């Protein structure tokens, strides 16, 4: 998890840096940790359920979660 947190931090800074400018450093750190835990939980579920989706399909699901999740539609 700690290695993944390093990578997600660098990834998010590169691709979402402008979105983070309005949030505190503390918030961004917890946000990254939260996302990493979610990725690992998805990976565990995928393995336990027999890897029915391809890795590409799983990546697309994760991308959709990040960009078009039901919580965002509530606003």
C-alpha atoms as a PDB file:
ATOM      1  CA  UNK A   1       0.000   0.000   0.000  1.00  0.00           C
ATOM      2  CA  UNK A   2       2.767   2.457   0.875  1.00  0.00           C
ATOM      3  CA  UNK A   3       4.427   1.995  -2.517  1.00  0.00           C
ATOM      4  CA  UNK A   4       1.102   2.494  -4.258  1.00  0.00           C
ATOM      5  CA  UNK A   5       0.518   5.686  -2.276  1.00  0.00           C
ATOM      6  CA  UNK A   6       3.789   7.096  -3.628  1.00  0.00           C
ATOM      7  CA  UNK A   7       2.779   6.310  -7.183  1.00  0.00           C
ATOM      8  CA  UNK A   8      -0.757   7.633  -6.861  1.00  0.00           C
ATOM      9  CA  UNK A   9       0.586  10.832  -5.343  1.00  0.00           C
ATOM     10  CA  UNK A  10       2.884  11.379  -8.340  1.00  0.00           C
ATOM     11  CA  UNK A  11       0.144  10.367 -10.781  1.00  0.00           C
ATOM     12  CA  UNK A  12      -2.420  12.701  -9.245  1.00  0.00           C
ATOM     13  CA  UNK A  13       0.041  15.602  -9.095  1.00  0.00           C
ATOM     14  CA  UNK A  14       0.796  15.165 -12.795  1.00  0.00           C
ATOM     15  CA  UNK A  15      -2.743  14.625 -14.051  1.00  0.00           C
ATOM     16  CA  UNK A  16      -4.945  16.299 -11.438  1.00  0.00           C
ATOM     17  CA  UNK A  17      -2.653  18.979 -10.033  1.00  0.00           C
ATOM     18  CA  UNK A  18      -4.975  21.820 -10.987  1.00  0.00           C
ATOM     19  CA  UNK A  19      -7.892  20.130  -9.213  1.00  0.00           C
ATOM     20  CA  UNK A  20      -5.909  19.858  -5.979  1.00  0.00           C
ATOM     21  CA  UNK A  21      -4.910  23.504  -5.695  1.00  0.00           C
ATOM     22  CA  UNK A  22      -8.036  24.342  -3.663  1.00  0.00           C
ATOM     23  CA  UNK A  23      -7.396  21.603  -1.072  1.00  0.00           C
ATOM     24  CA  UNK A  24      -4.955  21.406   1.809  1.00  0.00           C
ATOM     25  CA  UNK A  25      -1.876  19.197   1.682  1.00  0.00           C
ATOM     26  CA  UNK A  26      -3.394  17.149   4.511  1.00  0.00           C
ATOM     27  CA  UNK A  27      -6.636  16.562   2.586  1.00  0.00           C
ATOM     28  CA  UNK A  28      -4.764  15.493  -0.549  1.00  0.00           C
ATOM     29  CA  UNK A  29      -2.689  13.013   1.459  1.00  0.00           C
ATOM     30  CA  UNK A  30      -5.787  11.383   2.929  1.00  0.00           C
ATOM     31  CA  UNK A  31      -7.533  11.471  -0.442  1.00  0.00           C
ATOM     32  CA  UNK A  32      -4.633   9.579  -2.021  1.00  0.00           C
ATOM     33  CA  UNK A  33      -4.621   6.999   0.795  1.00  0.00           C
ATOM     34  CA  UNK A  34      -8.354   6.505   0.408  1.00  0.00           C
ATOM     35  CA  UNK A  35      -8.011   5.906  -3.324  1.00  0.00           C
ATOM     36  CA  UNK A  36      -5.159   3.431  -2.893  1.00  0.00           C
ATOM     37  CA  UNK A  37      -7.189   1.416  -0.381  1.00  0.00           C
ATOM     38  CA  UNK A  38     -10.082   1.339  -2.821  1.00  0.00           C
ATOM     39  CA  UNK A  39      -7.843   0.092  -5.634  1.00  0.00           C
ATOM     40  CA  UNK A  40      -6.516  -2.728  -3.452  1.00  0.00           C
ATOM     41  CA  UNK A  41     -10.007  -3.661  -2.319  1.00  0.00           C
ATOM     42  CA  UNK A  42     -11.147  -3.813  -5.955  1.00  0.00           C
ATOM     43  CA  UNK A  43      -8.152  -5.971  -6.845  1.00  0.00           C
ATOM     44  CA  UNK A  44      -8.938  -8.356  -3.975  1.00  0.00           C
ATOM     45  CA  UNK A  45     -12.599  -8.589  -5.042  1.00  0.00           C
ATOM     46  CA  UNK A  46     -11.536  -9.239  -8.642  1.00  0.00           C
ATOM     47  CA  UNK A  47      -9.190 -12.078  -7.611  1.00  0.00           C
ATOM     48  CA  UNK A  48     -11.657 -13.665  -5.173  1.00  0.00           C
ATOM     49  CA  UNK A  49     -14.487 -13.525  -7.737  1.00  0.00           C
ATOM     50  CA  UNK A  50     -12.411 -15.392 -10.321  1.00  0.00           C
ATOM     51  CA  UNK A  51     -11.048 -12.520 -12.427  1.00  0.00           C
ATOM     52  CA  UNK A  52     -14.085 -12.519 -14.722  1.00  0.00           C
ATOM     53  CA  UNK A  53     -13.270  -9.072 -16.082  1.00  0.00           C
ATOM     54  CA  UNK A  54     -10.100  -8.527 -18.074  1.00  0.00           C
ATOM     55  CA  UNK A  55      -7.462  -6.225 -16.572  1.00  0.00           C
ATOM     56  CA  UNK A  56      -8.490  -3.592 -19.127  1.00  0.00           C
ATOM     57  CA  UNK A  57     -12.141  -3.897 -18.090  1.00  0.00           C
ATOM     58  CA  UNK A  58     -11.160  -3.556 -14.437  1.00  0.00           C
ATOM     59  CA  UNK A  59      -9.111  -0.453 -15.249  1.00  0.00           C
ATOM     60  CA  UNK A  60     -12.103   1.047 -17.068  1.00  0.00           C
ATOM     61  CA  UNK A  61     -14.337   0.365 -14.059  1.00  0.00           C
ATOM     62  CA  UNK A  62     -11.833   2.079 -11.777  1.00  0.00           C
ATOM     63  CA  UNK A  63     -11.592   5.024 -14.163  1.00  0.00           C
ATOM     64  CA  UNK A  64     -15.373   5.297 -14.188  1.00  0.00           C
ATOM     65  CA  UNK A  65     -15.448   5.231 -10.384  1.00  0.00           C
ATOM     66  CA  UNK A  66     -13.010   8.130 -10.292  1.00  0.00           C
ATOM     67  CA  UNK A  67     -14.686  10.203 -12.982  1.00  0.00           C
ATOM     68  CA  UNK A  68     -18.403   9.380 -12.914  1.00  0.00           C
ATOM     69  CA  UNK A  69     -19.393   7.923  -9.588  1.00  0.00           C
ATOM     70  CA  UNK A  70     -22.911   8.016  -8.080  1.00  0.00           C
ATOM     71  CA  UNK A  71     -21.839  10.354  -5.252  1.00  0.00           C
ATOM     72  CA  UNK A  72     -21.041  13.073  -7.764  1.00  0.00           C
ATOM     73  CA  UNK A  73     -24.510  12.795  -9.253  1.00  0.00           C
ATOM     74  CA  UNK A  74     -26.142  13.596  -5.908  1.00  0.00           C
ATOM     75  CA  UNK A  75     -25.130  17.257  -6.088  1.00  0.00           C
END
